[in-house]
Amino acid sequence: MPELPGDAAAPLRVVHDPSPLAGPLAGVVEGMRAAANPLVLVVGGDMPAMSGAVLRELVDVAHETGAGAVALAEGDDVRPLPCVLHRSEIGVAEELLAAGERSIRALLRDVGVRSFPEETWRALDPEGGTLRDIDRPADLRG
């Protein structure tokens, strides 16, 4: 179990996927099952430069609108991570997973994701670090 920061503003907990090859949706479902609060902030472990201000805004928008999901817009796309999910959508997530779906994008689509406009979140994170993810060694240079 990794050591978690003791000074986090909110309690942190690690939840493991039931199967390491089940795909990202399986991890989201496990996180939603373990959540104690109505909103679940989902981030990627390979996204080292996320802006706390952007994440707080995502949570605020989800809370204010009651949307099933809120995610960042980038151009004409809505990125799957980071996102905020309303825990009440767990049934949709479980149904997708049971049908063999592995994609977080499918969950966002089915719950009617509300996009957080790029111009709004870029004001908080002009460099766009919140969307930077590390998938290959070359990504470390960027």
C-alpha atoms as a PDB file:
ATOM      1  CA  MET A   1       0.000   0.000   0.000  1.00  0.00           C
ATOM      2  CA  PRO A   2       1.489   3.377  -0.937  1.00  0.00           C
ATOM      3  CA  GLU A   3       2.010   5.929   1.794  1.00  0.00           C
ATOM      4  CA  LEU A   4      -0.603   8.674   1.591  1.00  0.00           C
ATOM      5  CA  PRO A   5       0.052  12.308   2.492  1.00  0.00           C
ATOM      6  CA  GLY A   6      -0.948  13.048   6.074  1.00  0.00           C
ATOM      7  CA  ASP A   7      -1.685  16.711   5.411  1.00  0.00           C
ATOM      8  CA  ALA A   8      -4.253  16.298   2.601  1.00  0.00           C
ATOM      9  CA  ALA A   9      -7.268  18.606   2.766  1.00  0.00           C
ATOM     10  CA  ALA A  10      -9.574  15.584   2.504  1.00  0.00           C
ATOM     11  CA  PRO A  11      -9.138  11.977   3.584  1.00  0.00           C
ATOM     12  CA  LEU A  12      -7.430   9.822   0.962  1.00  0.00           C
ATOM     13  CA  ARG A  13      -7.898   6.127   0.433  1.00  0.00           C
ATOM     14  CA  VAL A  14      -6.445   3.664  -2.069  1.00  0.00           C
ATOM     15  CA  VAL A  15      -8.852   1.230  -3.727  1.00  0.00           C
ATOM     16  CA  HIS A  16      -7.557  -1.539  -5.977  1.00  0.00           C
ATOM     17  CA  ASP A  17      -9.138  -2.906  -9.143  1.00  0.00           C
ATOM     18  CA  PRO A  18     -10.464  -6.451  -8.719  1.00  0.00           C
ATOM     19  CA  SER A  19      -8.498  -7.467 -11.817  1.00  0.00           C
ATOM     20  CA  PRO A  20      -5.412  -5.625 -13.071  1.00  0.00           C
ATOM     21  CA  LEU A  21      -6.492  -5.977 -16.718  1.00  0.00           C
ATOM     22  CA  ALA A  22     -10.173  -5.062 -16.359  1.00  0.00           C
ATOM     23  CA  GLY A  23      -9.700  -1.556 -17.779  1.00  0.00           C
ATOM     24  CA  PRO A  24     -10.213   1.931 -16.417  1.00  0.00           C
ATOM     25  CA  LEU A  25     -13.976   1.616 -15.934  1.00  0.00           C
ATOM     26  CA  ALA A  26     -13.441  -1.234 -13.452  1.00  0.00           C
ATOM     27  CA  GLY A  27     -11.238   1.031 -11.340  1.00  0.00           C
ATOM     28  CA  VAL A  28     -13.845   3.784 -11.450  1.00  0.00           C
ATOM     29  CA  VAL A  29     -16.568   1.359 -10.356  1.00  0.00           C
ATOM     30  CA  GLU A  30     -14.446   0.213  -7.390  1.00  0.00           C
ATOM     31  CA  GLY A  31     -13.797   3.824  -6.440  1.00  0.00           C
ATOM     32  CA  MET A  32     -17.489   4.664  -6.650  1.00  0.00           C
ATOM     33  CA  ARG A  33     -18.361   1.639  -4.499  1.00  0.00           C
ATOM     34  CA  ALA A  34     -15.846   2.713  -1.855  1.00  0.00           C
ATOM     35  CA  ALA A  35     -16.841   6.386  -1.864  1.00  0.00           C
ATOM     36  CA  ALA A  36     -18.496   7.810   1.211  1.00  0.00           C
ATOM     37  CA  ASN A  37     -19.441  11.139  -0.386  1.00  0.00           C
ATOM     38  CA  PRO A  38     -21.920  11.855  -3.175  1.00  0.00           C
ATOM     39  CA  LEU A  39     -19.226  13.201  -5.527  1.00  0.00           C
ATOM     40  CA  VAL A  40     -16.243  11.169  -6.712  1.00  0.00           C
ATOM     41  CA  LEU A  41     -13.187  12.928  -8.153  1.00  0.00           C
ATOM     42  CA  VAL A  42     -11.482  10.614 -10.645  1.00  0.00           C
ATOM     43  CA  VAL A  43      -7.892  11.335 -11.663  1.00  0.00           C
ATOM     44  CA  GLY A  44      -5.182   9.370 -13.422  1.00  0.00           C
ATOM     45  CA  GLY A  45      -2.119   8.238 -11.547  1.00  0.00           C
ATOM     46  CA  ASP A  46      -0.110   9.134 -14.653  1.00  0.00           C
ATOM     47  CA  MET A  47      -1.174  12.806 -14.569  1.00  0.00           C
ATOM     48  CA  PRO A  48       1.517  14.516 -12.469  1.00  0.00           C
ATOM     49  CA  ALA A  49       0.739  18.180 -13.092  1.00  0.00           C
ATOM     50  CA  MET A  50      -2.940  18.586 -12.235  1.00  0.00           C
ATOM     51  CA  SER A  51      -4.046  21.969 -10.962  1.00  0.00           C
ATOM     52  CA  GLY A  52      -5.754  21.917  -7.577  1.00  0.00           C
ATOM     53  CA  ALA A  53      -7.748  24.987  -8.617  1.00  0.00           C
ATOM     54  CA  VAL A  54      -9.095  23.187 -11.696  1.00  0.00           C
ATOM     55  CA  LEU A  55      -9.991  20.104  -9.666  1.00  0.00           C
ATOM     56  CA  ARG A  56     -11.792  22.248  -7.077  1.00  0.00           C
ATOM     57  CA  GLU A  57     -13.760  23.976  -9.856  1.00  0.00           C
ATOM     58  CA  LEU A  58     -14.752  20.608 -11.340  1.00  0.00           C
ATOM     59  CA  VAL A  59     -16.120  19.536  -7.963  1.00  0.00           C
ATOM     60  CA  ASP A  60     -17.884  22.886  -7.485  1.00  0.00           C
ATOM     61  CA  VAL A  61     -19.552  22.672 -10.916  1.00  0.00           C
ATOM     62  CA  ALA A  62     -20.696  19.109 -10.215  1.00  0.00           C
ATOM     63  CA  HIS A  63     -22.068  20.166  -6.840  1.00  0.00           C
ATOM     64  CA  GLU A  64     -23.814  23.288  -8.160  1.00  0.00           C
ATOM     65  CA  THR A  65     -25.356  21.663 -11.236  1.00  0.00           C
ATOM     66  CA  GLY A  66     -26.140  18.192  -9.904  1.00  0.00           C
ATOM     67  CA  ALA A  67     -24.707  16.803 -13.154  1.00  0.00           C
ATOM     68  CA  GLY A  68     -24.035  13.067 -13.276  1.00  0.00           C
ATOM     69  CA  ALA A  69     -20.531  13.849 -14.514  1.00  0.00           C
ATOM     70  CA  VAL A  70     -18.369  16.881 -15.205  1.00  0.00           C
ATOM     71  CA  ALA A  71     -15.188  16.741 -17.288  1.00  0.00           C
ATOM     72  CA  LEU A  72     -12.811  19.132 -19.001  1.00  0.00           C
ATOM     73  CA  ALA A  73     -13.390  20.230 -22.576  1.00  0.00           C
ATOM     74  CA  GLU A  74     -10.355  20.388 -24.850  1.00  0.00           C
ATOM     75  CA  GLY A  75     -11.236  21.757 -28.242  1.00  0.00           C
ATOM     76  CA  ASP A  76     -14.230  19.762 -29.484  1.00  0.00           C
ATOM     77  CA  ASP A  77     -13.448  16.833 -27.180  1.00  0.00           C
ATOM     78  CA  VAL A  78     -14.418  16.113 -23.586  1.00  0.00           C
ATOM     79  CA  ARG A  79     -11.507  14.419 -21.841  1.00  0.00           C
ATOM     80  CA  PRO A  80     -12.335  11.435 -19.608  1.00  0.00           C
ATOM     81  CA  LEU A  81      -9.811  12.371 -16.901  1.00  0.00           C
ATOM     82  CA  PRO A  82      -9.911  14.161 -14.637  1.00  0.00           C
ATOM     83  CA  CYS A  83     -13.644  14.070 -14.036  1.00  0.00           C
ATOM     84  CA  VAL A  84     -16.172  14.246 -11.242  1.00  0.00           C
ATOM     85  CA  LEU A  85     -18.905  11.631 -11.071  1.00  0.00           C
ATOM     86  CA  HIS A  86     -22.039  11.667  -8.994  1.00  0.00           C
ATOM     87  CA  ARG A  87     -22.014   8.476  -6.946  1.00  0.00           C
ATOM     88  CA  SER A  88     -25.690   7.956  -7.745  1.00  0.00           C
ATOM     89  CA  GLU A  89     -24.577   6.995 -11.281  1.00  0.00           C
ATOM     90  CA  ILE A  90     -22.907   3.819  -9.996  1.00  0.00           C
ATOM     91  CA  GLY A  91     -25.712   1.679 -11.437  1.00  0.00           C
ATOM     92  CA  VAL A  92     -24.972   2.986 -14.927  1.00  0.00           C
ATOM     93  CA  ALA A  93     -21.266   2.284 -14.410  1.00  0.00           C
ATOM     94  CA  GLU A  94     -21.920  -1.246 -13.141  1.00  0.00           C
ATOM     95  CA  GLU A  95     -24.243  -2.027 -16.065  1.00  0.00           C
ATOM     96  CA  LEU A  96     -21.648  -0.860 -18.583  1.00  0.00           C
ATOM     97  CA  LEU A  97     -18.951  -2.916 -16.878  1.00  0.00           C
ATOM     98  CA  ALA A  98     -21.181  -6.012 -16.781  1.00  0.00           C
ATOM     99  CA  ALA A  99     -21.804  -5.576 -20.527  1.00  0.00           C
ATOM    100  CA  GLY A 100     -18.042  -5.709 -21.162  1.00  0.00           C
ATOM    101  CA  GLU A 101     -17.420  -1.981 -21.491  1.00  0.00           C
ATOM    102  CA  ARG A 102     -14.015  -0.788 -20.253  1.00  0.00           C
ATOM    103  CA  SER A 103     -14.118   2.885 -21.199  1.00  0.00           C
ATOM    104  CA  ILE A 104     -14.663   5.860 -18.915  1.00  0.00           C
ATOM    105  CA  ARG A 105     -15.798   7.775 -22.004  1.00  0.00           C
ATOM    106  CA  ALA A 106     -18.751   5.379 -22.324  1.00  0.00           C
ATOM    107  CA  LEU A 107     -19.777   6.143 -18.755  1.00  0.00           C
ATOM    108  CA  LEU A 108     -19.504   9.884 -19.334  1.00  0.00           C
ATOM    109  CA  ARG A 109     -21.604   9.538 -22.476  1.00  0.00           C
ATOM    110  CA  ASP A 110     -24.297   7.476 -20.772  1.00  0.00           C
ATOM    111  CA  VAL A 111     -24.676   9.772 -17.759  1.00  0.00           C
ATOM    112  CA  GLY A 112     -24.757  12.907 -19.922  1.00  0.00           C
ATOM    113  CA  VAL A 113     -21.449  14.536 -19.042  1.00  0.00           C
ATOM    114  CA  ARG A 114     -21.420  18.282 -18.569  1.00  0.00           C
ATOM    115  CA  SER A 115     -18.308  19.758 -20.135  1.00  0.00           C
ATOM    116  CA  PHE A 116     -16.273  22.337 -18.258  1.00  0.00           C
ATOM    117  CA  PRO A 117     -15.312  24.902 -20.940  1.00  0.00           C
ATOM    118  CA  GLU A 118     -11.657  25.037 -21.912  1.00  0.00           C
ATOM    119  CA  GLU A 119     -11.467  28.817 -21.695  1.00  0.00           C
ATOM    120  CA  THR A 120     -12.692  28.647 -18.095  1.00  0.00           C
ATOM    121  CA  TRP A 121     -10.336  25.956 -16.822  1.00  0.00           C
ATOM    122  CA  ARG A 122      -7.378  27.335 -18.840  1.00  0.00           C
ATOM    123  CA  ALA A 123      -7.746  30.596 -16.907  1.00  0.00           C
ATOM    124  CA  LEU A 124      -6.840  28.521 -13.830  1.00  0.00           C
ATOM    125  CA  ASP A 125      -4.206  26.390 -15.600  1.00  0.00           C
ATOM    126  CA  PRO A 126      -2.816  28.311 -18.611  1.00  0.00           C
ATOM    127  CA  GLU A 127      -0.179  25.675 -19.403  1.00  0.00           C
ATOM    128  CA  GLY A 128      -2.770  22.875 -19.459  1.00  0.00           C
ATOM    129  CA  GLY A 129      -0.830  20.694 -17.031  1.00  0.00           C
ATOM    130  CA  THR A 130      -4.070  19.238 -15.695  1.00  0.00           C
ATOM    131  CA  LEU A 131      -4.447  17.189 -18.895  1.00  0.00           C
ATOM    132  CA  ARG A 132      -0.814  16.116 -19.197  1.00  0.00           C
ATOM    133  CA  ASP A 133      -0.440  12.379 -18.830  1.00  0.00           C
ATOM    134  CA  ILE A 134       2.609  10.163 -18.980  1.00  0.00           C
ATOM    135  CA  ASP A 135       2.115   7.081 -21.136  1.00  0.00           C
ATOM    136  CA  ARG A 136       5.609   6.664 -22.611  1.00  0.00           C
ATOM    137  CA  PRO A 137       9.116   7.700 -21.537  1.00  0.00           C
ATOM    138  CA  ALA A 138       9.053  10.406 -24.225  1.00  0.00           C
ATOM    139  CA  ASP A 139       6.095  12.040 -22.446  1.00  0.00           C
ATOM    140  CA  LEU A 140       8.407  12.847 -19.533  1.00  0.00           C
ATOM    141  CA  ARG A 141      10.274  15.311 -21.740  1.00  0.00           C
ATOM    142  CA  GLY A 142       7.150  17.276 -22.674  1.00  0.00           C
END
